[in-house]
Amino acid sequence: MTTTGVDGFALLDEIWRTVTPEAARRMLIAAVRAFAEKGYHATTTRDIASLAGMSPAAVYIHYRSKEELLFNISLVGHETSLALLAGIEGDDAVERLKNAVSAFAGWHAAFHTTARVVQYELSALSAEHHERVAELRRQIEQRMRSYLEDGVAEGVFDVPDVKGATLAVLSLCIDVARWYQPGGKRTPDEIGALYADLVLRMVRPAT
């Protein structure tokens, strides 16, 4: 994938390509940038409209509020990462966990700006919207847990507390969005491979 700009406009467009019309998509992309740079509470609809190259009034043509913009970003971000984990393949439990961690950590690097908003602005969502996103997060947790449970069942992982280990693995991957910057020593794919190796070292039986 090609990256350009903050988080990569090509990558952002890939995430939001299902959002129509184009003006609504431009608003979401602008909101991602604004929320990541200034934080949700410090961002105004005027900031978002300016980044989108539109008038402040144009925001309300497509979204009822700034919070609804955040909800749409959170929804698409979580749905995308859930689909990523749901599509993991592998011949055995070790390969499936390796691929799951590599993909999840790599996603949080490649889409670091979007992921930062998705993961760290949850508290700004309304109660109703927060619950919808929380359900997706539960499904993400269950999917990652299933890869660990498979390894335990096959006798290739030694994990006394699967739930705790799942939270540790997810936290490790999600935190990539907090510190990752393009142009660093490792590409998103290299970060994914590194984290997959670390997790497998954590869960395999000691020799």
Protein backbone atom coordinates (compact mmCIF):
# COMPACT_ATOMS: atom_id res chain seq x y z
CA MET A 1 0.00 0.00 0.00
CA THR A 2 1.19 3.53 -0.69
CA THR A 3 1.28 6.10 2.07
CA THR A 4 1.19 9.87 1.73
CA GLY A 5 0.68 12.62 4.25
CA VAL A 6 -0.59 12.21 7.80
CA ASP A 7 -1.68 8.56 8.11
CA GLY A 8 -1.54 8.35 4.34
CA PHE A 9 -4.38 9.85 2.35
CA ALA A 10 -4.33 6.74 0.15
CA LEU A 11 -4.77 4.57 3.23
CA LEU A 12 -7.47 6.82 4.65
CA ASP A 13 -9.34 6.72 1.38
CA GLU A 14 -9.14 2.93 1.47
CA ILE A 15 -10.77 2.86 4.91
CA TRP A 16 -13.50 5.35 4.05
CA ARG A 17 -14.15 4.32 0.45
CA THR A 18 -17.61 3.00 1.35
CA VAL A 19 -18.68 6.38 2.76
CA THR A 20 -20.79 8.38 0.34
CA PRO A 21 -21.28 11.04 -0.88
CA GLU A 22 -17.75 12.32 -1.39
CA ALA A 23 -18.36 15.39 0.80
CA ALA A 24 -19.29 13.17 3.75
CA ARG A 25 -16.11 11.15 3.22
CA ARG A 26 -14.01 14.32 3.08
CA MET A 27 -15.52 15.42 6.38
CA LEU A 28 -14.62 12.12 8.06
CA ILE A 29 -11.05 12.22 6.78
CA ALA A 30 -10.69 15.82 7.96
CA ALA A 31 -12.17 14.93 11.36
CA VAL A 32 -9.67 12.10 11.79
CA ARG A 33 -6.80 14.50 11.18
CA ALA A 34 -8.23 17.19 13.45
CA PHE A 35 -9.08 14.84 16.34
CA ALA A 36 -5.64 13.20 16.14
CA GLU A 37 -3.79 16.52 16.10
CA LYS A 38 -5.81 18.51 18.66
CA GLY A 39 -7.91 15.95 20.53
CA TYR A 40 -11.69 15.63 20.25
CA HIS A 41 -12.63 18.26 22.84
CA ALA A 42 -10.22 20.91 21.50
CA THR A 43 -11.40 20.45 17.91
CA THR A 44 -14.21 22.59 16.54
CA THR A 45 -16.46 21.92 13.58
CA ARG A 46 -14.81 24.95 12.00
CA ASP A 47 -11.44 23.19 12.27
CA ILE A 48 -12.88 20.12 10.54
CA ALA A 49 -14.55 22.13 7.79
CA SER A 50 -11.35 24.07 7.15
CA LEU A 51 -9.32 20.88 6.72
CA ALA A 52 -12.01 19.51 4.40
CA GLY A 53 -11.96 22.71 2.35
CA MET A 54 -15.63 23.35 3.06
CA SER A 55 -17.75 25.83 4.98
CA PRO A 56 -18.59 25.16 8.67
CA ALA A 57 -22.28 24.86 7.76
CA ALA A 58 -21.45 21.98 5.40
CA VAL A 59 -20.64 19.73 8.37
CA TYR A 60 -24.27 19.69 9.45
CA ILE A 61 -25.52 18.71 6.01
CA HIS A 62 -24.00 15.26 6.54
CA TYR A 63 -23.59 14.92 10.33
CA ARG A 64 -25.79 16.12 13.15
CA SER A 65 -22.88 16.88 15.46
CA LYS A 66 -19.16 16.60 16.07
CA GLU A 67 -19.93 13.55 18.21
CA GLU A 68 -21.64 11.83 15.30
CA LEU A 69 -18.50 12.34 13.24
CA LEU A 70 -16.47 10.67 16.00
CA PHE A 71 -18.98 7.83 16.18
CA ASN A 72 -18.73 7.17 12.45
CA ILE A 73 -14.94 7.15 12.66
CA SER A 74 -15.05 4.76 15.62
CA LEU A 75 -17.59 2.51 13.94
CA VAL A 76 -15.68 2.13 10.69
CA GLY A 77 -12.37 1.75 12.48
CA HIS A 78 -13.61 -1.02 14.75
CA GLU A 79 -15.51 -2.78 11.96
CA THR A 80 -12.36 -2.73 9.82
CA SER A 81 -10.12 -4.18 12.54
CA LEU A 82 -12.74 -6.82 13.42
CA ALA A 83 -12.97 -7.88 9.77
CA LEU A 84 -9.16 -8.04 9.69
CA LEU A 85 -9.05 -10.43 12.65
CA ALA A 86 -12.01 -12.46 11.41
CA GLY A 87 -10.22 -13.14 8.12
CA ILE A 88 -7.06 -14.61 9.65
CA GLU A 89 -5.97 -17.95 8.20
CA GLY A 90 -3.28 -20.47 9.11
CA ASP A 91 -2.56 -24.19 9.10
CA ASP A 92 -2.28 -24.40 12.89
CA ALA A 93 -2.82 -22.37 16.06
CA VAL A 94 0.72 -21.00 16.08
CA GLU A 95 0.45 -19.68 12.53
CA ARG A 96 -3.01 -18.22 13.13
CA LEU A 97 -1.94 -16.32 16.26
CA LYS A 98 1.21 -15.14 14.49
CA ASN A 99 -0.84 -13.85 11.56
CA ALA A 100 -3.47 -12.26 13.83
CA VAL A 101 -0.94 -10.31 15.90
CA SER A 102 1.07 -9.32 12.85
CA ALA A 103 -2.04 -8.00 11.08
CA PHE A 104 -3.48 -6.22 14.12
CA ALA A 105 -0.23 -4.53 15.17
CA GLY A 106 0.58 -3.66 11.56
CA TRP A 107 -2.87 -2.12 11.09
CA HIS A 108 -2.36 0.13 14.10
CA ALA A 109 0.91 1.35 12.56
CA ALA A 110 -0.28 1.77 8.96
CA PHE A 111 -3.46 3.54 10.08
CA HIS A 112 -1.90 5.09 13.18
CA THR A 113 -3.73 8.42 13.01
CA THR A 114 -7.14 6.82 12.54
CA ALA A 115 -6.36 4.16 15.15
CA ARG A 116 -5.30 6.81 17.66
CA VAL A 117 -8.71 8.48 17.38
CA VAL A 118 -10.57 5.17 17.41
CA GLN A 119 -8.77 3.86 20.48
CA TYR A 120 -8.26 6.95 22.63
CA GLU A 121 -11.35 9.14 22.17
CA LEU A 122 -13.99 6.57 23.25
CA SER A 123 -14.99 8.52 26.34
CA ALA A 124 -16.36 11.34 24.17
CA LEU A 125 -19.03 9.09 22.62
CA SER A 126 -22.63 9.26 23.79
CA ALA A 127 -23.85 6.34 25.93
CA GLU A 128 -25.75 4.80 23.02
CA HIS A 129 -22.88 5.13 20.58
CA HIS A 130 -20.37 3.93 23.16
CA GLU A 131 -22.36 0.73 23.67
CA ARG A 132 -22.41 -0.01 19.94
CA VAL A 133 -18.65 0.43 19.74
CA ALA A 134 -18.15 -1.55 22.96
CA GLU A 135 -19.94 -4.51 21.37
CA LEU A 136 -17.50 -4.43 18.46
CA ARG A 137 -14.61 -4.29 20.94
CA ARG A 138 -15.99 -7.36 22.70
CA GLN A 139 -16.08 -9.20 19.39
CA ILE A 140 -12.50 -8.15 18.64
CA GLU A 141 -11.43 -9.44 22.06
CA GLN A 142 -13.29 -12.72 21.51
CA ARG A 143 -11.67 -13.22 18.12
CA MET A 144 -8.15 -12.73 19.47
CA ARG A 145 -8.96 -14.90 22.49
CA SER A 146 -10.09 -17.71 20.18
CA TYR A 147 -6.62 -17.87 18.63
CA LEU A 148 -5.05 -18.25 22.06
CA GLU A 149 -7.66 -20.83 23.12
CA ASP A 150 -6.94 -22.88 20.01
CA GLY A 151 -3.27 -23.02 20.94
CA VAL A 152 -4.03 -24.04 24.51
CA ALA A 153 -6.39 -26.78 23.25
CA GLU A 154 -3.69 -28.05 20.87
CA GLY A 155 -1.12 -28.03 23.68
CA VAL A 156 1.23 -25.59 21.94
CA PHE A 157 0.52 -22.59 24.22
CA ASP A 158 0.96 -22.43 27.98
CA VAL A 159 -1.48 -19.71 29.04
CA PRO A 160 -3.01 -20.12 32.54
CA ASP A 161 -5.10 -16.93 32.19
CA VAL A 162 -6.34 -16.72 28.60
CA LYS A 163 -8.53 -13.68 29.22
CA GLY A 164 -5.68 -11.75 30.83
CA ALA A 165 -3.27 -12.79 28.09
CA THR A 166 -5.76 -11.65 25.43
CA LEU A 167 -5.99 -8.19 26.98
CA ALA A 168 -2.19 -8.01 27.15
CA VAL A 169 -1.83 -8.95 23.47
CA LEU A 170 -4.49 -6.48 22.35
CA SER A 171 -3.00 -3.69 24.48
CA LEU A 172 0.45 -4.35 23.03
CA CYS A 173 -0.87 -4.03 19.47
CA ILE A 174 -3.14 -1.03 20.13
CA ASP A 175 -0.36 0.95 21.78
CA VAL A 176 1.49 1.03 18.44
CA ALA A 177 -0.92 3.77 17.33
CA ARG A 178 0.21 5.98 20.22
CA TRP A 179 3.91 6.10 19.34
CA TYR A 180 4.26 5.12 15.68
CA GLN A 181 5.54 7.75 13.26
CA PRO A 182 6.08 7.26 9.51
CA GLY A 183 9.69 7.21 8.41
CA GLY A 184 10.91 5.41 11.53
CA LYS A 185 13.27 2.44 11.68
CA ARG A 186 10.52 -0.12 11.04
CA THR A 187 7.70 -0.32 8.54
CA PRO A 188 4.19 -1.38 9.66
CA ASP A 189 4.88 -4.87 8.30
CA GLU A 190 8.13 -5.09 10.23
CA ILE A 191 6.40 -3.96 13.42
CA GLY A 192 3.72 -6.60 12.86
CA ALA A 193 6.36 -9.29 12.46
CA LEU A 194 8.24 -8.13 15.57
CA TYR A 195 5.12 -8.11 17.73
CA ALA A 196 4.02 -11.52 16.43
CA ASP A 197 7.38 -12.96 17.44
CA LEU A 198 7.17 -11.34 20.89
CA VAL A 199 3.68 -12.69 21.53
CA LEU A 200 4.61 -16.21 20.45
CA ARG A 201 7.57 -16.10 22.86
CA MET A 202 5.13 -15.04 25.61
CA VAL A 203 2.64 -17.88 25.11
CA ARG A 204 4.78 -20.85 24.15
CA PRO A 205 5.75 -23.28 26.93
CA ALA A 206 9.11 -22.67 28.55
CA THR A 207 11.80 -25.11 27.44
